[in-house]
C-alpha atoms as a PDB file:
ATOM      1  CA  MET A   1     132.734 186.917  31.687  1.00  0.00           C
ATOM      2  CA  ASP A   2     135.209 189.739  31.143  1.00  0.00           C
ATOM      3  CA  THR A   3     135.332 192.487  33.772  1.00  0.00           C
ATOM      4  CA  GLN A   4     135.097 196.038  32.411  1.00  0.00           C
ATOM      5  CA  ILE A   5     137.888 198.146  33.848  1.00  0.00           C
ATOM      6  CA  SER A   6     137.554 201.938  34.192  1.00  0.00           C
ATOM      7  CA  PHE A   7     140.893 203.649  33.788  1.00  0.00           C
ATOM      8  CA  GLY A   8     142.582 207.013  33.615  1.00  0.00           C
ATOM      9  CA  ILE A   9     145.636 208.130  31.676  1.00  0.00           C
ATOM     10  CA  GLU A  10     147.919 210.995  32.635  1.00  0.00           C
ATOM     11  CA  GLU A  11     150.933 212.415  30.853  1.00  0.00           C
ATOM     12  CA  THR A  12     154.141 212.343  32.900  1.00  0.00           C
ATOM     13  CA  THR A  13     157.610 213.719  32.219  1.00  0.00           C
ATOM     14  CA  ASP A  14     158.680 210.238  31.019  1.00  0.00           C
ATOM     15  CA  GLY A  15     155.602 209.245  29.007  1.00  0.00           C
ATOM     16  CA  PHE A  16     152.146 208.191  30.101  1.00  0.00           C
ATOM     17  CA  LEU A  17     150.684 206.568  33.195  1.00  0.00           C
ATOM     18  CA  ALA A  18     147.534 204.440  32.934  1.00  0.00           C
ATOM     19  CA  TYR A  19     145.757 203.385  36.127  1.00  0.00           C
ATOM     20  CA  GLN A  20     142.550 201.789  37.322  1.00  0.00           C
ATOM     21  CA  LEU A  21     140.052 204.262  38.745  1.00  0.00           C
ATOM     22  CA  GLN A  22     138.804 201.620  41.214  1.00  0.00           C
ATOM     23  CA  ASN A  23     142.345 200.772  42.349  1.00  0.00           C
ATOM     24  CA  PRO A  24     144.934 203.487  41.594  1.00  0.00           C
ATOM     25  CA  SER A  25     147.686 201.233  42.961  1.00  0.00           C
ATOM     26  CA  CYS A  26     147.217 199.141  39.797  1.00  0.00           C
ATOM     27  CA  TYR A  27     149.045 201.107  37.105  1.00  0.00           C
ATOM     28  CA  ALA A  28     151.355 200.818  34.110  1.00  0.00           C
ATOM     29  CA  TYR A  29     153.595 203.134  32.112  1.00  0.00           C
ATOM     30  CA  GLY A  30     154.127 203.567  28.385  1.00  0.00           C
ATOM     31  CA  SER A  31     155.801 205.883  25.895  1.00  0.00           C
ATOM     32  CA  THR A  32     152.408 206.644  24.346  1.00  0.00           C
ATOM     33  CA  GLU A  33     148.850 206.595  25.649  1.00  0.00           C
ATOM     34  CA  GLU A  34     148.245 203.412  23.678  1.00  0.00           C
ATOM     35  CA  GLU A  35     151.307 201.667  25.143  1.00  0.00           C
ATOM     36  CA  ALA A  36     150.300 202.637  28.676  1.00  0.00           C
ATOM     37  CA  TYR A  37     146.754 201.378  28.112  1.00  0.00           C
ATOM     38  CA  GLU A  38     147.984 198.109  26.570  1.00  0.00           C
ATOM     39  CA  ALA A  39     150.368 197.554  29.487  1.00  0.00           C
ATOM     40  CA  LEU A  40     147.559 198.170  31.998  1.00  0.00           C
ATOM     41  CA  TYR A  41     145.190 195.918  30.037  1.00  0.00           C
ATOM     42  CA  THR A  42     147.776 193.130  29.986  1.00  0.00           C
ATOM     43  CA  LEU A  43     148.492 193.513  33.692  1.00  0.00           C
ATOM     44  CA  THR A  44     144.847 193.500  34.734  1.00  0.00           C
ATOM     45  CA  HIS A  45     143.939 190.566  32.509  1.00  0.00           C
ATOM     46  CA  GLU A  46     146.939 188.459  33.503  1.00  0.00           C
ATOM     47  CA  GLU A  47     146.296 189.189  37.191  1.00  0.00           C
ATOM     48  CA  ARG A  48     142.529 189.657  37.003  1.00  0.00           C
ATOM     49  CA  ASP A  49     141.889 187.768  40.249  1.00  0.00           C
ATOM     50  CA  MET A  50     144.026 190.330  42.074  1.00  0.00           C
ATOM     51  CA  TYR A  51     142.682 193.466  40.362  1.00  0.00           C
ATOM     52  CA  THR A  52     138.943 192.975  39.950  1.00  0.00           C
ATOM     53  CA  TRP A  53     136.409 195.579  40.996  1.00  0.00           C
ATOM     54  CA  GLU A  54     134.617 193.196  43.362  1.00  0.00           C
ATOM     55  CA  GLU A  55     137.690 192.865  45.578  1.00  0.00           C
ATOM     56  CA  TRP A  56     137.925 196.646  46.044  1.00  0.00           C
ATOM     57  CA  ASN A  57     134.309 197.286  47.084  1.00  0.00           C
END
């Protein structure tokens, strides 16, 4: 079962920052919104045991 991750994206002076709403300390940067989202998606799915919603309840 794949965990659905809620995320936010903000523009920074260097590009874009994507972060989990449940765990803002889990974040990734990218030059575009898409790159930031892809980086966050990769991070959370490679380390899903560390960044799942259940662990932050």
